Protein backbone atom coordinates (compact mmCIF):
# COMPACT_ATOMS: atom_id res chain seq x y z
CA MET A 1 35.00 -38.00 120.52
CA SER A 2 34.15 -37.01 116.91
CA GLU A 3 32.54 -40.53 116.65
CA GLN A 4 30.19 -39.43 119.62
CA GLN A 5 29.12 -36.24 118.50
CA THR A 6 28.25 -37.67 115.04
CA ARG A 7 26.15 -40.19 116.51
CA ARG A 8 24.78 -37.49 118.85
CA SER A 9 23.87 -35.14 115.86
CA PHE A 10 22.36 -38.26 114.34
CA LEU A 11 19.93 -38.78 117.06
CA ASP A 12 19.23 -35.33 117.28
CA TRP A 13 18.11 -35.16 113.81
CA LEU A 14 16.11 -38.46 114.02
CA LEU A 15 14.26 -36.73 117.12
CA GLY A 16 13.55 -33.64 115.06
CA ALA A 17 12.45 -35.73 111.98
CA GLY A 18 10.36 -37.79 114.05
CA MET A 19 8.67 -34.58 116.20
CA LEU A 20 7.96 -32.84 112.72
CA ALA A 21 6.49 -35.93 111.37
CA TRP A 22 3.88 -36.25 114.30
CA LEU A 23 3.41 -32.66 114.08
CA ALA A 24 2.19 -32.96 110.62
CA SER A 25 0.14 -36.20 111.46
CA VAL A 26 -1.99 -33.80 114.17
CA PHE A 27 -2.43 -30.72 112.06
CA TYR A 28 -3.10 -32.48 108.69
CA PRO A 29 -6.91 -33.44 109.35
CA VAL A 30 -7.46 -29.97 111.00
CA LEU A 31 -5.79 -28.32 107.56
CA ARG A 32 -8.22 -30.82 105.52
CA TYR A 33 -11.09 -29.62 107.12
CA LEU A 34 -10.68 -25.85 107.10
CA LYS A 35 -9.55 -26.40 103.60
CA PRO A 36 -12.65 -26.38 100.88
CA LEU A 37 -12.64 -29.39 98.56
CA PRO A 38 -12.77 -28.60 95.00
CA ARG A 39 -16.10 -28.45 93.13
CA ALA A 40 -16.72 -30.79 90.02
CA THR A 41 -16.09 -28.97 86.94
CA GLY A 42 -16.87 -29.50 82.87
CA ALA A 43 -16.87 -33.03 81.49
CA GLY A 44 -19.21 -34.63 78.96
CA PRO A 45 -22.39 -35.65 80.33
CA THR A 46 -23.23 -39.49 81.50
CA ARG A 47 -26.12 -41.93 80.23
CA LEU A 48 -27.18 -44.14 82.89
CA SER A 49 -27.56 -47.32 81.98
CA ARG A 50 -30.91 -49.24 82.35
CA ASP A 51 -29.72 -51.25 85.29
CA GLU A 52 -28.49 -48.23 86.84
CA ALA A 53 -32.09 -46.76 86.24
CA LEU A 54 -33.90 -49.79 87.61
CA ARG A 55 -31.68 -49.42 90.86
CA ILE A 56 -33.28 -45.86 91.21
CA ASP A 57 -36.60 -47.29 90.68
CA GLN A 58 -35.66 -50.25 93.36
CA LYS A 59 -33.63 -48.22 95.98
CA GLY A 60 -34.44 -44.75 95.14
CA PHE A 61 -30.96 -44.16 94.29
CA VAL A 62 -27.54 -45.10 92.57
CA ILE A 63 -24.01 -43.82 92.50
CA VAL A 64 -22.39 -43.52 89.17
CA PRO A 65 -19.22 -41.83 88.08
CA VAL A 66 -19.55 -38.41 86.18
CA ALA A 67 -16.28 -36.72 85.09
CA GLY A 68 -13.86 -38.71 87.48
CA LYS A 69 -16.27 -38.20 90.54
CA ARG A 70 -18.90 -40.21 92.26
CA VAL A 71 -22.22 -38.79 91.92
CA LEU A 72 -25.62 -40.13 93.72
CA VAL A 73 -28.60 -40.08 91.25
CA LEU A 74 -31.88 -40.19 93.58
CA ARG A 75 -35.64 -39.74 92.54
CA ASP A 76 -37.60 -38.11 95.46
CA ARG A 77 -41.39 -39.04 96.24
CA ASP A 78 -42.82 -36.86 93.36
CA ASP A 79 -40.68 -38.59 90.79
CA LYS A 80 -38.26 -35.59 90.51
CA LEU A 81 -34.50 -36.46 89.91
CA TYR A 82 -31.62 -34.87 91.53
CA ALA A 83 -27.92 -35.40 91.51
CA LEU A 84 -25.25 -34.74 94.01
CA ALA A 85 -21.57 -35.44 94.57
CA ALA A 86 -21.86 -38.83 96.87
CA LYS A 87 -18.95 -37.68 98.60
CA CYS A 88 -19.50 -35.73 102.00
CA THR A 89 -17.96 -32.24 102.33
CA HIS A 90 -16.67 -32.90 106.03
CA GLU A 91 -14.24 -35.44 105.50
CA GLY A 92 -15.02 -37.27 102.16
CA CYS A 93 -17.12 -40.14 103.19
CA THR A 94 -19.66 -41.71 100.96
CA VAL A 95 -23.08 -40.21 101.52
CA GLN A 96 -26.60 -42.42 100.96
CA PHE A 97 -30.10 -41.29 100.05
CA VAL A 98 -33.00 -42.15 102.71
CA PRO A 99 -36.06 -42.80 101.02
CA GLY A 100 -38.35 -42.60 103.77
CA GLU A 101 -36.89 -39.30 105.15
CA SER A 102 -36.00 -37.75 101.98
CA VAL A 103 -32.88 -37.05 103.50
CA ILE A 104 -29.29 -37.65 102.00
CA TRP A 105 -27.34 -39.02 104.90
CA CYS A 106 -23.46 -39.39 105.93
CA ALA A 107 -22.84 -42.20 108.33
CA CYS A 108 -19.32 -40.95 109.42
CA HIS A 109 -20.77 -38.12 111.57
CA ASN A 110 -24.33 -38.77 111.06
CA ALA A 111 -24.46 -35.65 108.83
CA ARG A 112 -27.62 -34.76 106.96
CA PHE A 113 -28.30 -32.96 103.63
CA ASP A 114 -31.35 -32.09 102.08
CA LEU A 115 -32.23 -32.95 98.42
CA GLN A 116 -30.45 -29.61 97.27
CA GLY A 117 -27.48 -30.63 99.06
CA ARG A 118 -27.74 -28.15 101.68
CA VAL A 119 -26.48 -29.17 105.05
CA LEU A 120 -29.26 -30.20 107.65
CA ALA A 121 -27.29 -31.30 110.48
CA GLY A 122 -23.82 -32.38 111.40
CA PRO A 123 -20.23 -31.00 110.79
CA PRO A 124 -20.02 -30.60 107.16
CA PRO A 125 -18.83 -26.94 106.26
CA ARG A 126 -20.30 -26.84 102.46
CA PRO A 127 -23.23 -28.27 100.77
CA LEU A 128 -22.83 -31.05 98.41
CA ALA A 129 -21.72 -29.98 94.70
CA ARG A 130 -25.03 -30.40 92.62
CA TYR A 131 -24.83 -31.79 89.01
CA LEU A 132 -27.58 -31.15 86.14
CA VAL A 133 -29.58 -34.25 85.48
CA ASP A 134 -32.65 -34.76 82.91
CA ARG A 135 -33.66 -37.05 80.10
CA ASP A 136 -32.64 -37.22 76.65
CA GLU A 137 -34.90 -37.81 73.48
CA LYS A 138 -34.83 -41.41 74.34
CA GLY A 139 -35.71 -40.96 77.84
CA ALA A 140 -32.49 -42.01 79.33
CA ILE A 141 -31.28 -40.35 82.55
CA VAL A 142 -28.03 -38.13 81.51
CA VAL A 143 -26.19 -36.62 84.23
CA ARG A 144 -23.78 -33.34 83.77
CA ALA A 145 -21.43 -31.68 85.51
CA GLU A 146 -22.55 -28.30 86.54
CA ALA A 147 -20.52 -25.37 84.92
C-alpha cells in the first residue's frame, strides 16, 4: 500500500508542477506587457562608419549597436537626423523607418511612431527610447545614449 501512496503522491506532484508551468506560461506575456522595459543608459558614443552613413543616404535609415542596444538612426526629408531604440516597447519587435510616410513602423502589431518616438497608433504602452545624434568635427555621425 505504501508503494501505491508514493506513486499517487508523485503523480499529484507532477500534476501540480504541470499546472504551475501552464499558469506561468499564460501570465508571463501579460506581466511582460505591463512591466516597462528598461531605458537605455549611459555609455560611450558610437561613431557610424562610412558604409552605415551611405545606407542612411540610400534607405533613409540604418540600425546600429549603441551601448549594447540596437538603435535606429534615420534622416527625414529635411535632412535632420534622429536616433531611436529599434525595439518596439510593446513586445520588443524590431521597428523600421517608412520614409514615404515619415513614420517608424513595427510589423508585429502594426504600431506606428512619429520621428520623436511618440506612439501614433497600435498597442505600445510607451514611446521609443531616444538617443542623442549629431556630427563630430570631421562630419561623421555620432550617436550617444541619452542620460
